[in-house]
Amino acid sequence: MTSATQRRGTGARATAVSVVLLLVGAACLWGSSRMTWVTVTSSDGLGEARTTELLGSTWAAASTPLALALVAAVAAQFAVKGWASRVLAVLVALVAVAAAVPAVGALFGDVSADEASSVAELPTRAEVTSTQTSLLPAALALIGAVCALVAAIVLLRKPTSRKVLSSKYDAPAARRDEAAERARTASERADANGEGDDLTERMLWDALDAGEDPTDRTPRNDH
């Protein structure tokens, strides 16, 4: 197996892994945005206590757009190559960090009464009496962020495919040298095997275009 084939195989595997990770990350972020992150209990002194459930799309408002960004990254990685793939990896890493911040805050931090009141859009006379954070949606969002970060690393380490141009796009001087070399090699091989002139018509024309005499068996000294 050639190095080019190995490189293509490695690149295909990296693409498949990153696609799976991005889709899993997007699903986790989207799912967490539909779950209750924080439950706020408040009282305004005029009636019974009020309970407000804050979904992830409200408490961590960026979770849904970030999930859509990961889905877009799946399509983008098939359209970009080389350095653009590295840029995409950096953008995916930034999305992962942005998704992880509210999740880490919900898991390891305390929800302030002022923040809960502001996000829940409670009346000014209402007072927050308690807040309760749900760990499952925050953990799910953190898993999605980790998947996105790993996908970014895979994209960053993905081997870039070198575009090998056809010989018709080579520089004229390089094409002439290549044609002349092919003509000399074929002529010398035919002479050594006693097969006479075994040059193809294509080689003859290439040699003539290169300014070489295809019937000349004299070795040429390259300077």
N, C-alpha and C. Protein backbone atom coordinates (compact mmCIF):
# COMPACT_ATOMS: atom_id res chain seq x y z
N MET A 1 0.85 -1.19 0.00
CA MET A 1 0.00 0.00 0.00
C MET A 1 0.88 1.24 0.00
N THR A 2 0.65 2.16 -0.91
CA THR A 2 1.46 3.36 -1.03
C THR A 2 1.11 4.35 0.07
N SER A 3 2.03 5.32 0.25
CA SER A 3 1.80 6.34 1.27
C SER A 3 0.59 7.18 0.94
N ALA A 4 0.35 7.42 -0.35
CA ALA A 4 -0.82 8.21 -0.75
C ALA A 4 -2.10 7.48 -0.39
N THR A 5 -2.11 6.16 -0.62
CA THR A 5 -3.30 5.37 -0.27
C THR A 5 -3.51 5.34 1.23
N GLN A 6 -2.42 5.19 1.98
CA GLN A 6 -2.52 5.21 3.43
C GLN A 6 -3.04 6.56 3.92
N ARG A 7 -2.56 7.63 3.28
CA ARG A 7 -3.00 8.97 3.68
C ARG A 7 -4.49 9.16 3.41
N ARG A 8 -4.94 8.65 2.26
CA ARG A 8 -6.37 8.76 1.95
C ARG A 8 -7.20 7.94 2.93
N GLY A 9 -6.71 6.74 3.28
CA GLY A 9 -7.44 5.91 4.23
C GLY A 9 -7.52 6.55 5.60
N THR A 10 -6.40 7.13 6.05
CA THR A 10 -6.39 7.82 7.34
C THR A 10 -7.32 9.01 7.32
N GLY A 11 -7.30 9.76 6.22
CA GLY A 11 -8.18 10.92 6.11
C GLY A 11 -9.64 10.53 6.12
N ALA A 12 -9.97 9.41 5.46
CA ALA A 12 -11.36 8.95 5.44
C ALA A 12 -11.82 8.53 6.82
N ARG A 13 -10.95 7.85 7.55
CA ARG A 13 -11.31 7.44 8.92
C ARG A 13 -11.48 8.66 9.82
N ALA A 14 -10.59 9.63 9.67
CA ALA A 14 -10.69 10.85 10.48
C ALA A 14 -11.99 11.59 10.18
N THR A 15 -12.36 11.63 8.91
CA THR A 15 -13.61 12.29 8.54
C THR A 15 -14.81 11.58 9.16
N ALA A 16 -14.81 10.25 9.09
CA ALA A 16 -15.92 9.48 9.66
C ALA A 16 -16.03 9.68 11.16
N VAL A 17 -14.89 9.66 11.85
CA VAL A 17 -14.89 9.85 13.31
C VAL A 17 -15.39 11.24 13.67
N SER A 18 -14.90 12.25 12.97
CA SER A 18 -15.31 13.62 13.28
C SER A 18 -16.79 13.84 13.00
N VAL A 19 -17.31 13.21 11.94
CA VAL A 19 -18.75 13.34 11.63
C VAL A 19 -19.58 12.76 12.77
N VAL A 20 -19.21 11.57 13.24
CA VAL A 20 -19.96 10.94 14.33
C VAL A 20 -19.89 11.80 15.59
N LEU A 21 -18.71 12.30 15.92
CA LEU A 21 -18.55 13.12 17.13
C LEU A 21 -19.34 14.41 17.03
N LEU A 22 -19.31 15.04 15.87
CA LEU A 22 -20.05 16.30 15.70
C LEU A 22 -21.56 16.07 15.81
N LEU A 23 -22.04 14.99 15.22
CA LEU A 23 -23.48 14.70 15.29
C LEU A 23 -23.90 14.35 16.72
N VAL A 24 -23.08 13.58 17.42
CA VAL A 24 -23.38 13.25 18.81
C VAL A 24 -23.36 14.52 19.67
N GLY A 25 -22.36 15.36 19.44
CA GLY A 25 -22.29 16.62 20.19
C GLY A 25 -23.49 17.50 19.93
N ALA A 26 -23.90 17.61 18.67
CA ALA A 26 -25.07 18.42 18.33
C ALA A 26 -26.33 17.86 18.97
N ALA A 27 -26.47 16.53 18.96
CA ALA A 27 -27.65 15.91 19.56
C ALA A 27 -27.69 16.15 21.07
N CYS A 28 -26.54 16.07 21.72
CA CYS A 28 -26.48 16.32 23.16
C CYS A 28 -26.85 17.76 23.50
N LEU A 29 -26.31 18.70 22.74
CA LEU A 29 -26.63 20.11 23.00
C LEU A 29 -28.10 20.40 22.74
N TRP A 30 -28.62 19.86 21.64
CA TRP A 30 -30.03 20.09 21.33
C TRP A 30 -30.93 19.45 22.38
N GLY A 31 -30.60 18.22 22.81
CA GLY A 31 -31.40 17.56 23.83
C GLY A 31 -31.39 18.31 25.15
N SER A 32 -30.21 18.79 25.54
CA SER A 32 -30.12 19.53 26.81
C SER A 32 -30.89 20.84 26.76
N SER A 33 -30.99 21.43 25.56
CA SER A 33 -31.72 22.70 25.44
C SER A 33 -33.22 22.51 25.62
N ARG A 34 -33.71 21.28 25.51
CA ARG A 34 -35.13 20.99 25.68
C ARG A 34 -35.46 20.50 27.09
N MET A 35 -34.46 20.45 27.94
CA MET A 35 -34.65 19.96 29.31
C MET A 35 -34.60 21.12 30.30
N THR A 36 -35.16 20.88 31.48
CA THR A 36 -35.17 21.91 32.52
C THR A 36 -33.83 21.96 33.23
N TRP A 37 -33.20 23.12 33.17
CA TRP A 37 -31.91 23.31 33.82
C TRP A 37 -32.07 23.80 35.26
N VAL A 38 -32.90 24.81 35.43
CA VAL A 38 -33.04 25.45 36.74
C VAL A 38 -34.52 25.61 37.06
N THR A 39 -34.89 25.28 38.28
CA THR A 39 -36.25 25.50 38.77
C THR A 39 -36.20 26.62 39.81
N VAL A 40 -36.94 27.67 39.56
CA VAL A 40 -36.92 28.86 40.41
C VAL A 40 -38.25 28.97 41.16
N THR A 41 -38.16 29.09 42.46
CA THR A 41 -39.34 29.31 43.29
C THR A 41 -39.30 30.74 43.80
N SER A 42 -40.40 31.47 43.60
CA SER A 42 -40.45 32.88 43.99
C SER A 42 -41.78 33.20 44.65
N SER A 43 -41.78 34.32 45.34
CA SER A 43 -43.00 34.78 46.01
C SER A 43 -43.06 36.30 45.92
N ASP A 44 -44.27 36.81 45.66
CA ASP A 44 -44.43 38.26 45.58
C ASP A 44 -45.16 38.82 46.79
N GLY A 45 -45.47 37.96 47.78
CA GLY A 45 -46.13 38.40 49.00
C GLY A 45 -47.62 38.62 48.86
N LEU A 46 -48.15 38.40 47.68
CA LEU A 46 -49.58 38.63 47.44
C LEU A 46 -50.36 37.33 47.27
N GLY A 47 -49.67 36.27 46.99
CA GLY A 47 -50.36 34.99 46.76
C GLY A 47 -49.43 33.84 47.05
N GLU A 48 -49.76 32.71 46.45
CA GLU A 48 -48.95 31.52 46.67
C GLU A 48 -47.61 31.64 45.94
N ALA A 49 -46.68 30.82 46.39
CA ALA A 49 -45.34 30.80 45.76
C ALA A 49 -45.46 30.35 44.31
N ARG A 50 -44.61 30.89 43.49
CA ARG A 50 -44.63 30.61 42.05
C ARG A 50 -43.40 29.80 41.68
N THR A 51 -43.59 28.77 40.89
CA THR A 51 -42.48 27.94 40.43
C THR A 51 -42.28 28.12 38.93
N THR A 52 -41.07 28.44 38.54
CA THR A 52 -40.74 28.67 37.13
C THR A 52 -39.63 27.71 36.72
N GLU A 53 -39.90 26.97 35.67
CA GLU A 53 -38.89 26.04 35.14
C GLU A 53 -38.19 26.68 33.95
N LEU A 54 -36.88 26.74 34.02
CA LEU A 54 -36.08 27.35 32.96
C LEU A 54 -35.44 26.26 32.12
N LEU A 55 -35.84 26.19 30.86
CA LEU A 55 -35.26 25.21 29.94
C LEU A 55 -33.84 25.62 29.55
N GLY A 56 -33.14 24.67 28.96
CA GLY A 56 -31.79 24.97 28.51
C GLY A 56 -31.76 26.06 27.45
N SER A 57 -32.80 26.10 26.60
CA SER A 57 -32.87 27.14 25.57
C SER A 57 -33.04 28.52 26.17
N THR A 58 -33.44 28.58 27.45
CA THR A 58 -33.58 29.87 28.14
C THR A 58 -32.39 30.14 29.04
N TRP A 59 -32.03 29.15 29.86
CA TRP A 59 -30.92 29.34 30.80
C TRP A 59 -29.57 29.40 30.07
N ALA A 60 -29.38 28.50 29.13
CA ALA A 60 -28.18 28.51 28.29
C ALA A 60 -28.64 28.75 26.86
N ALA A 61 -28.97 29.99 26.57
CA ALA A 61 -29.66 30.33 25.31
C ALA A 61 -28.85 29.96 24.07
N ALA A 62 -27.55 29.87 24.20
CA ALA A 62 -26.71 29.59 23.03
C ALA A 62 -26.65 28.11 22.68
N SER A 63 -27.25 27.26 23.50
CA SER A 63 -27.11 25.81 23.27
C SER A 63 -27.70 25.37 21.93
N THR A 64 -28.87 25.90 21.57
CA THR A 64 -29.48 25.52 20.29
C THR A 64 -28.68 26.03 19.09
N PRO A 65 -28.29 27.33 19.06
CA PRO A 65 -27.45 27.78 17.94
C PRO A 65 -26.13 27.04 17.85
N LEU A 66 -25.55 26.69 18.98
CA LEU A 66 -24.29 25.94 18.96
C LEU A 66 -24.49 24.54 18.40
N ALA A 67 -25.63 23.93 18.71
CA ALA A 67 -25.93 22.61 18.14
C ALA A 67 -26.06 22.70 16.62
N LEU A 68 -26.71 23.75 16.15
CA LEU A 68 -26.84 23.95 14.70
C LEU A 68 -25.47 24.21 14.06
N ALA A 69 -24.60 24.90 14.79
CA ALA A 69 -23.25 25.17 14.27
C ALA A 69 -22.47 23.87 14.09
N LEU A 70 -22.65 22.93 15.00
CA LEU A 70 -21.96 21.64 14.87
C LEU A 70 -22.49 20.85 13.67
N VAL A 71 -23.80 20.94 13.44
CA VAL A 71 -24.37 20.27 12.26
C VAL A 71 -23.82 20.90 10.98
N ALA A 72 -23.70 22.23 10.99
CA ALA A 72 -23.13 22.91 9.82
C ALA A 72 -21.68 22.52 9.60
N ALA A 73 -20.96 22.26 10.70
CA ALA A 73 -19.55 21.86 10.58
C ALA A 73 -19.42 20.50 9.90
N VAL A 74 -20.41 19.64 10.06
CA VAL A 74 -20.39 18.33 9.40
C VAL A 74 -20.35 18.52 7.89
N ALA A 75 -21.22 19.41 7.39
CA ALA A 75 -21.24 19.66 5.94
C ALA A 75 -20.01 20.43 5.49
N ALA A 76 -19.53 21.33 6.36
CA ALA A 76 -18.40 22.18 5.97
C ALA A 76 -17.12 21.38 5.79
N GLN A 77 -16.93 20.33 6.58
CA GLN A 77 -15.66 19.60 6.48
C GLN A 77 -15.52 18.84 5.16
N PHE A 78 -16.63 18.60 4.47
CA PHE A 78 -16.55 17.97 3.15
C PHE A 78 -16.25 18.98 2.06
N ALA A 79 -16.39 20.26 2.38
CA ALA A 79 -16.20 21.30 1.37
C ALA A 79 -14.86 22.01 1.49
N VAL A 80 -14.17 21.85 2.63
CA VAL A 80 -12.92 22.57 2.84
C VAL A 80 -11.76 21.59 2.84
N LYS A 81 -10.60 22.09 2.43
CA LYS A 81 -9.37 21.29 2.39
C LYS A 81 -8.22 22.12 2.92
N GLY A 82 -7.14 21.44 3.27
CA GLY A 82 -5.91 22.13 3.65
C GLY A 82 -6.07 23.03 4.85
N TRP A 83 -5.59 24.28 4.72
CA TRP A 83 -5.60 25.20 5.85
C TRP A 83 -7.02 25.55 6.27
N ALA A 84 -7.97 25.52 5.34
CA ALA A 84 -9.36 25.81 5.69
C ALA A 84 -9.91 24.77 6.66
N SER A 85 -9.43 23.53 6.54
CA SER A 85 -9.84 22.49 7.47
C SER A 85 -9.32 22.79 8.87
N ARG A 86 -8.12 23.37 8.95
CA ARG A 86 -7.58 23.76 10.26
C ARG A 86 -8.41 24.88 10.88
N VAL A 87 -8.81 25.83 10.05
CA VAL A 87 -9.65 26.93 10.54
C VAL A 87 -10.98 26.38 11.06
N LEU A 88 -11.55 25.43 10.33
CA LEU A 88 -12.80 24.81 10.77
C LEU A 88 -12.61 24.12 12.11
N ALA A 89 -11.48 23.46 12.30
CA ALA A 89 -11.20 22.78 13.57
C ALA A 89 -11.16 23.78 14.72
N VAL A 90 -10.55 24.92 14.49
CA VAL A 90 -10.48 25.96 15.53
C VAL A 90 -11.87 26.47 15.86
N LEU A 91 -12.69 26.69 14.84
CA LEU A 91 -14.06 27.17 15.07
C LEU A 91 -14.88 26.15 15.86
N VAL A 92 -14.71 24.87 15.54
CA VAL A 92 -15.42 23.83 16.28
C VAL A 92 -14.96 23.80 17.73
N ALA A 93 -13.67 24.01 17.96
CA ALA A 93 -13.15 24.06 19.33
C ALA A 93 -13.76 25.23 20.10
N LEU A 94 -13.92 26.38 19.44
CA LEU A 94 -14.54 27.53 20.09
C LEU A 94 -16.00 27.24 20.44
N VAL A 95 -16.70 26.55 19.55
CA VAL A 95 -18.08 26.15 19.83
C VAL A 95 -18.12 25.23 21.05
N ALA A 96 -17.17 24.32 21.13
CA ALA A 96 -17.11 23.39 22.27
C ALA A 96 -16.90 24.14 23.58
N VAL A 97 -16.01 25.11 23.57
CA VAL A 97 -15.76 25.90 24.79
C VAL A 97 -17.00 26.69 25.18
N ALA A 98 -17.64 27.31 24.19
CA ALA A 98 -18.85 28.09 24.47
C ALA A 98 -19.96 27.22 25.04
N ALA A 99 -20.04 25.98 24.58
CA ALA A 99 -21.07 25.07 25.09
C ALA A 99 -20.73 24.56 26.48
N ALA A 100 -19.45 24.46 26.79
CA ALA A 100 -19.03 23.90 28.07
C ALA A 100 -19.18 24.90 29.22
N VAL A 101 -19.06 26.19 28.93
CA VAL A 101 -19.08 27.20 30.00
C VAL A 101 -20.35 27.15 30.84
N PRO A 102 -21.56 27.25 30.26
CA PRO A 102 -22.76 27.18 31.10
C PRO A 102 -22.94 25.82 31.76
N ALA A 103 -22.50 24.76 31.10
CA ALA A 103 -22.64 23.42 31.68
C ALA A 103 -21.78 23.27 32.92
N VAL A 104 -20.54 23.73 32.84
CA VAL A 104 -19.65 23.67 34.00
C VAL A 104 -20.18 24.55 35.13
N GLY A 105 -20.69 25.73 34.77
CA GLY A 105 -21.25 26.62 35.79
C GLY A 105 -22.44 26.00 36.50
N ALA A 106 -23.29 25.30 35.76
CA ALA A 106 -24.46 24.67 36.38
C ALA A 106 -24.07 23.47 37.23
N LEU A 107 -23.03 22.76 36.83
CA LEU A 107 -22.62 21.56 37.56
C LEU A 107 -21.83 21.88 38.83
N PHE A 108 -20.98 22.87 38.75
CA PHE A 108 -20.05 23.13 39.85
C PHE A 108 -20.24 24.49 40.51
N GLY A 109 -21.13 25.31 39.99
CA GLY A 109 -21.34 26.63 40.57
C GLY A 109 -22.70 26.74 41.24
N ASP A 110 -22.93 27.88 41.85
CA ASP A 110 -24.21 28.17 42.50
C ASP A 110 -24.99 29.17 41.67
N VAL A 111 -26.29 28.97 41.59
CA VAL A 111 -27.16 29.88 40.86
C VAL A 111 -27.58 31.00 41.80
N SER A 112 -27.22 32.22 41.43
CA SER A 112 -27.58 33.36 42.28
C SER A 112 -29.05 33.72 42.09
N ALA A 113 -29.62 34.29 43.14
CA ALA A 113 -31.03 34.68 43.08
C ALA A 113 -31.25 35.76 42.04
N ASP A 114 -30.32 36.69 41.94
CA ASP A 114 -30.46 37.78 40.97
C ASP A 114 -30.44 37.24 39.54
N GLU A 115 -29.52 36.31 39.27
CA GLU A 115 -29.44 35.73 37.93
C GLU A 115 -30.70 34.95 37.60
N ALA A 116 -31.18 34.17 38.56
CA ALA A 116 -32.39 33.39 38.33
C ALA A 116 -33.59 34.29 38.08
N SER A 117 -33.69 35.37 38.85
CA SER A 117 -34.80 36.31 38.68
C SER A 117 -34.74 36.99 37.32
N SER A 118 -33.53 37.32 36.88
CA SER A 118 -33.38 38.00 35.60
C SER A 118 -33.73 37.08 34.43
N VAL A 119 -33.22 35.86 34.47
CA VAL A 119 -33.48 34.93 33.37
C VAL A 119 -34.96 34.53 33.35
N ALA A 120 -35.56 34.36 34.52
CA ALA A 120 -36.97 33.97 34.60
C ALA A 120 -37.90 35.15 34.33
N GLU A 121 -37.34 36.36 34.26
CA GLU A 121 -38.11 37.57 34.00
C GLU A 121 -39.25 37.73 35.02
N LEU A 122 -38.87 37.62 36.30
CA LEU A 122 -39.84 37.77 37.37
C LEU A 122 -40.17 39.24 37.59
N PRO A 123 -41.34 39.54 38.10
CA PRO A 123 -41.68 40.94 38.43
C PRO A 123 -40.73 41.49 39.48
N THR A 124 -40.58 42.78 39.51
CA THR A 124 -39.63 43.40 40.44
C THR A 124 -40.01 43.15 41.90
N ARG A 125 -41.29 43.01 42.17
CA ARG A 125 -41.72 42.78 43.55
C ARG A 125 -41.52 41.34 44.00
N ALA A 126 -41.28 40.43 43.02
CA ALA A 126 -41.11 39.02 43.37
C ALA A 126 -39.73 38.78 43.96
N GLU A 127 -39.70 37.88 44.92
CA GLU A 127 -38.44 37.53 45.58
C GLU A 127 -38.18 36.04 45.39
N VAL A 128 -36.98 35.73 44.95
CA VAL A 128 -36.60 34.33 44.75
C VAL A 128 -36.35 33.69 46.10
N THR A 129 -37.09 32.65 46.38
CA THR A 129 -36.93 31.96 47.66
C THR A 129 -36.01 30.74 47.56
N SER A 130 -35.94 30.12 46.38
CA SER A 130 -35.05 28.97 46.22
C SER A 130 -34.81 28.70 44.74
N THR A 131 -33.69 28.07 44.48
CA THR A 131 -33.36 27.63 43.11
C THR A 131 -32.84 26.20 43.18
N GLN A 132 -33.17 25.44 42.18
CA GLN A 132 -32.71 24.05 42.11
C GLN A 132 -32.17 23.77 40.71
N THR A 133 -30.95 23.29 40.65
CA THR A 133 -30.30 23.01 39.37
C THR A 133 -30.38 21.52 39.05
N SER A 134 -30.79 21.21 37.83
CA SER A 134 -30.83 19.82 37.37
C SER A 134 -29.48 19.45 36.77
N LEU A 135 -28.91 18.36 37.26
CA LEU A 135 -27.57 17.98 36.82
C LEU A 135 -27.57 17.28 35.46
N LEU A 136 -28.62 16.55 35.16
CA LEU A 136 -28.64 15.75 33.93
C LEU A 136 -28.49 16.59 32.66
N PRO A 137 -29.29 17.64 32.47
CA PRO A 137 -29.12 18.42 31.23
C PRO A 137 -27.77 19.11 31.14
N ALA A 138 -27.24 19.56 32.29
CA ALA A 138 -25.92 20.19 32.28
C ALA A 138 -24.84 19.17 31.92
N ALA A 139 -24.97 17.96 32.47
CA ALA A 139 -24.00 16.91 32.15
C ALA A 139 -24.10 16.52 30.68
N LEU A 140 -25.32 16.49 30.15
CA LEU A 140 -25.51 16.15 28.74
C LEU A 140 -24.87 17.20 27.85
N ALA A 141 -25.03 18.46 28.23
CA ALA A 141 -24.40 19.54 27.45
C ALA A 141 -22.88 19.45 27.52
N LEU A 142 -22.36 19.07 28.68
CA LEU A 142 -20.91 18.94 28.82
C LEU A 142 -20.39 17.79 27.97
N ILE A 143 -21.14 16.70 27.91
CA ILE A 143 -20.75 15.58 27.05
C ILE A 143 -20.71 16.03 25.59
N GLY A 144 -21.72 16.81 25.19
CA GLY A 144 -21.74 17.33 23.82
C GLY A 144 -20.55 18.23 23.54
N ALA A 145 -20.17 19.05 24.53
CA ALA A 145 -19.03 19.93 24.35
C ALA A 145 -17.73 19.13 24.22
N VAL A 146 -17.60 18.07 25.01
CA VAL A 146 -16.40 17.23 24.93
C VAL A 146 -16.33 16.53 23.57
N CYS A 147 -17.47 16.05 23.08
CA CYS A 147 -17.49 15.42 21.76
C CYS A 147 -17.06 16.40 20.68
N ALA A 148 -17.54 17.64 20.78
CA ALA A 148 -17.17 18.65 19.80
C ALA A 148 -15.68 18.97 19.88
N LEU A 149 -15.13 19.01 21.11
CA LEU A 149 -13.71 19.30 21.27
C LEU A 149 -12.85 18.18 20.69
N VAL A 150 -13.25 16.94 20.93
CA VAL A 150 -12.50 15.81 20.36
C VAL A 150 -12.59 15.83 18.83
N ALA A 151 -13.76 16.19 18.31
CA ALA A 151 -13.91 16.30 16.85
C ALA A 151 -12.98 17.37 16.29
N ALA A 152 -12.83 18.47 17.02
CA ALA A 152 -11.92 19.53 16.58
C ALA A 152 -10.48 19.03 16.54
N ILE A 153 -10.10 18.23 17.54
CA ILE A 153 -8.74 17.68 17.56
C ILE A 153 -8.53 16.72 16.40
N VAL A 154 -9.53 15.90 16.11
CA VAL A 154 -9.43 14.96 14.98
C VAL A 154 -9.29 15.73 13.67
N LEU A 155 -10.08 16.79 13.51
CA LEU A 155 -9.98 17.61 12.30
C LEU A 155 -8.61 18.27 12.19
N LEU A 156 -8.08 18.70 13.34
CA LEU A 156 -6.79 19.37 13.33
C LEU A 156 -5.66 18.43 12.94
N ARG A 157 -5.79 17.17 13.32
CA ARG A 157 -4.75 16.18 13.02
C ARG A 157 -5.01 15.43 11.72
N LYS A 158 -6.09 15.74 11.06
CA LYS A 158 -6.44 15.06 9.81
C LYS A 158 -5.41 15.38 8.74
N PRO A 159 -4.85 14.37 8.07
CA PRO A 159 -3.86 14.64 7.01
C PRO A 159 -4.50 15.36 5.85
N THR A 160 -3.79 16.36 5.35
CA THR A 160 -4.30 17.12 4.21
C THR A 160 -3.99 16.37 2.93
N SER A 161 -4.94 16.36 2.03
CA SER A 161 -4.74 15.68 0.75
C SER A 161 -4.06 16.61 -0.22
N ARG A 162 -2.98 16.13 -0.81
CA ARG A 162 -2.25 16.93 -1.79
C ARG A 162 -2.90 16.76 -3.15
N LYS A 163 -3.15 17.86 -3.76
CA LYS A 163 -3.74 17.82 -5.10
C LYS A 163 -2.64 17.64 -6.13
N VAL A 164 -2.67 16.51 -6.80
CA VAL A 164 -1.67 16.22 -7.82
C VAL A 164 -2.26 16.58 -9.18
N LEU A 165 -1.70 17.58 -9.83
CA LEU A 165 -2.22 18.04 -11.10
C LEU A 165 -1.81 17.11 -12.22
N SER A 166 -2.62 17.05 -13.24
CA SER A 166 -2.31 16.25 -14.42
C SER A 166 -1.11 16.84 -15.12
N SER A 167 -0.44 15.99 -15.88
CA SER A 167 0.77 16.45 -16.56
C SER A 167 0.48 17.55 -17.56
N LYS A 168 -0.76 17.65 -18.02
CA LYS A 168 -1.07 18.69 -19.00
C LYS A 168 -1.05 20.08 -18.38
N TYR A 169 -1.05 20.14 -17.01
CA TYR A 169 -0.98 21.43 -16.34
C TYR A 169 0.44 21.75 -15.87
N ASP A 170 1.40 20.85 -16.15
CA ASP A 170 2.77 21.11 -15.75
C ASP A 170 3.37 22.23 -16.58
N ALA A 171 4.47 22.77 -16.07
CA ALA A 171 5.18 23.82 -16.80
C ALA A 171 5.69 23.25 -18.12
N PRO A 172 5.69 24.04 -19.19
CA PRO A 172 6.13 23.54 -20.50
C PRO A 172 7.53 22.93 -20.47
N ALA A 173 8.45 23.56 -19.74
CA ALA A 173 9.82 23.04 -19.68
C ALA A 173 9.84 21.66 -19.04
N ALA A 174 9.05 21.49 -17.97
CA ALA A 174 9.01 20.20 -17.30
C ALA A 174 8.40 19.14 -18.21
N ARG A 175 7.39 19.52 -18.98
CA ARG A 175 6.77 18.57 -19.90
C ARG A 175 7.73 18.17 -21.01
N ARG A 176 8.49 19.12 -21.51
CA ARG A 176 9.45 18.80 -22.57
C ARG A 176 10.52 17.85 -22.06
N ASP A 177 11.03 18.13 -20.86
CA ASP A 177 12.06 17.26 -20.29
C ASP A 177 11.53 15.85 -20.06
N GLU A 178 10.29 15.77 -19.57
CA GLU A 178 9.70 14.46 -19.31
C GLU A 178 9.50 13.68 -20.61
N ALA A 179 9.02 14.38 -21.65
CA ALA A 179 8.81 13.71 -22.94
C ALA A 179 10.12 13.23 -23.53
N ALA A 180 11.14 14.08 -23.46
CA ALA A 180 12.44 13.69 -23.99
C ALA A 180 13.02 12.51 -23.24
N GLU A 181 12.84 12.50 -21.93
CA GLU A 181 13.36 11.40 -21.13
C GLU A 181 12.65 10.09 -21.47
N ARG A 182 11.33 10.16 -21.66
CA ARG A 182 10.59 8.95 -22.04
C ARG A 182 11.05 8.43 -23.40
N ALA A 183 11.27 9.34 -24.34
CA ALA A 183 11.70 8.93 -25.67
C ALA A 183 13.07 8.28 -25.63
N ARG A 184 14.01 8.87 -24.89
CA ARG A 184 15.36 8.30 -24.80
C ARG A 184 15.33 6.93 -24.13
N THR A 185 14.53 6.83 -23.05
CA THR A 185 14.46 5.55 -22.33
C THR A 185 13.91 4.45 -23.21
N ALA A 186 12.81 4.75 -23.91
CA ALA A 186 12.21 3.75 -24.79
C ALA A 186 13.14 3.37 -25.93
N SER A 187 13.86 4.36 -26.48
CA SER A 187 14.77 4.10 -27.58
C SER A 187 15.94 3.24 -27.13
N GLU A 188 16.49 3.53 -25.95
CA GLU A 188 17.61 2.76 -25.44
C GLU A 188 17.19 1.33 -25.11
N ARG A 189 15.96 1.17 -24.57
CA ARG A 189 15.47 -0.17 -24.25
C ARG A 189 15.28 -1.00 -25.51
N ALA A 190 14.72 -0.36 -26.54
CA ALA A 190 14.51 -1.08 -27.80
C ALA A 190 15.83 -1.46 -28.44
N ASP A 191 16.83 -0.57 -28.35
CA ASP A 191 18.13 -0.85 -28.94
C ASP A 191 18.83 -1.98 -28.20
N ALA A 192 18.69 -1.99 -26.85
CA ALA A 192 19.36 -3.01 -26.05
C ALA A 192 18.75 -4.38 -26.28
N ASN A 193 17.45 -4.41 -26.52
CA ASN A 193 16.76 -5.69 -26.74
C ASN A 193 16.78 -6.13 -28.19
N GLY A 194 17.38 -5.31 -29.04
CA GLY A 194 17.42 -5.66 -30.45
C GLY A 194 16.07 -5.64 -31.11
N GLU A 195 15.17 -4.81 -30.59
CA GLU A 195 13.82 -4.78 -31.12
C GLU A 195 13.63 -3.68 -32.14
N GLY A 196 14.67 -2.95 -32.40
CA GLY A 196 14.55 -1.88 -33.37
C GLY A 196 13.79 -0.71 -32.79
N ASP A 197 13.24 0.07 -33.68
CA ASP A 197 12.52 1.26 -33.26
C ASP A 197 11.14 0.86 -32.75
N ASP A 198 11.00 0.93 -31.46
CA ASP A 198 9.74 0.51 -30.84
C ASP A 198 9.06 1.68 -30.16
N LEU A 199 9.32 2.87 -30.70
CA LEU A 199 8.71 4.06 -30.12
C LEU A 199 7.27 4.19 -30.59
N THR A 200 6.41 4.56 -29.67
CA THR A 200 5.03 4.80 -30.04
C THR A 200 4.91 6.15 -30.73
N GLU A 201 3.82 6.32 -31.44
CA GLU A 201 3.61 7.59 -32.14
C GLU A 201 3.54 8.74 -31.14
N ARG A 202 2.93 8.47 -30.00
CA ARG A 202 2.83 9.50 -28.97
C ARG A 202 4.21 9.94 -28.49
N MET A 203 5.09 8.96 -28.24
CA MET A 203 6.44 9.28 -27.79
C MET A 203 7.21 10.05 -28.85
N LEU A 204 7.00 9.67 -30.12
CA LEU A 204 7.68 10.39 -31.20
C LEU A 204 7.28 11.86 -31.23
N TRP A 205 5.99 12.11 -31.14
CA TRP A 205 5.53 13.51 -31.17
C TRP A 205 5.99 14.27 -29.93
N ASP A 206 5.96 13.59 -28.76
CA ASP A 206 6.43 14.26 -27.54
C ASP A 206 7.90 14.63 -27.67
N ALA A 207 8.68 13.71 -28.23
CA ALA A 207 10.11 13.98 -28.39
C ALA A 207 10.34 15.12 -29.36
N LEU A 208 9.60 15.13 -30.47
CA LEU A 208 9.74 16.21 -31.44
C LEU A 208 9.33 17.55 -30.84
N ASP A 209 8.24 17.55 -30.05
CA ASP A 209 7.82 18.78 -29.39
C ASP A 209 8.86 19.27 -28.41
N ALA A 210 9.59 18.32 -27.81
CA ALA A 210 10.62 18.69 -26.85
C ALA A 210 11.93 19.08 -27.51
N GLY A 211 11.97 19.03 -28.85
CA GLY A 211 13.19 19.40 -29.55
C GLY A 211 14.22 18.30 -29.57
N GLU A 212 13.77 17.05 -29.37
CA GLU A 212 14.68 15.91 -29.35
C GLU A 212 14.51 15.08 -30.61
N ASP A 213 15.59 14.44 -31.01
CA ASP A 213 15.54 13.51 -32.13
C ASP A 213 15.29 12.12 -31.57
N PRO A 214 14.09 11.55 -31.74
CA PRO A 214 13.80 10.25 -31.13
C PRO A 214 14.61 9.11 -31.70
N THR A 215 15.24 9.32 -32.86
CA THR A 215 16.06 8.26 -33.46
C THR A 215 17.51 8.34 -33.05
N ASP A 216 17.83 9.40 -32.30
CA ASP A 216 19.22 9.60 -31.87
C ASP A 216 19.48 8.75 -30.64
N ARG A 217 20.37 7.77 -30.75
CA ARG A 217 20.68 6.88 -29.63
C ARG A 217 21.85 7.40 -28.79
N THR A 218 22.39 8.55 -29.16
CA THR A 218 23.56 9.07 -28.43
C THR A 218 23.12 9.60 -27.08
N PRO A 219 23.67 9.08 -25.98
CA PRO A 219 23.28 9.57 -24.65
C PRO A 219 23.58 11.06 -24.53
N ARG A 220 22.67 11.76 -23.88
CA ARG A 220 22.84 13.19 -23.70
C ARG A 220 23.32 13.46 -22.30
N ASN A 221 24.37 14.30 -22.19
CA ASN A 221 24.90 14.67 -20.89
C ASN A 221 24.14 15.89 -20.38
N ASP A 222 23.40 15.71 -19.27
CA ASP A 222 22.65 16.82 -18.68
C ASP A 222 23.59 17.65 -17.83
N HIS A 223 23.48 18.96 -18.00
CA HIS A 223 24.33 19.86 -17.23
C HIS A 223 23.54 20.36 -16.04
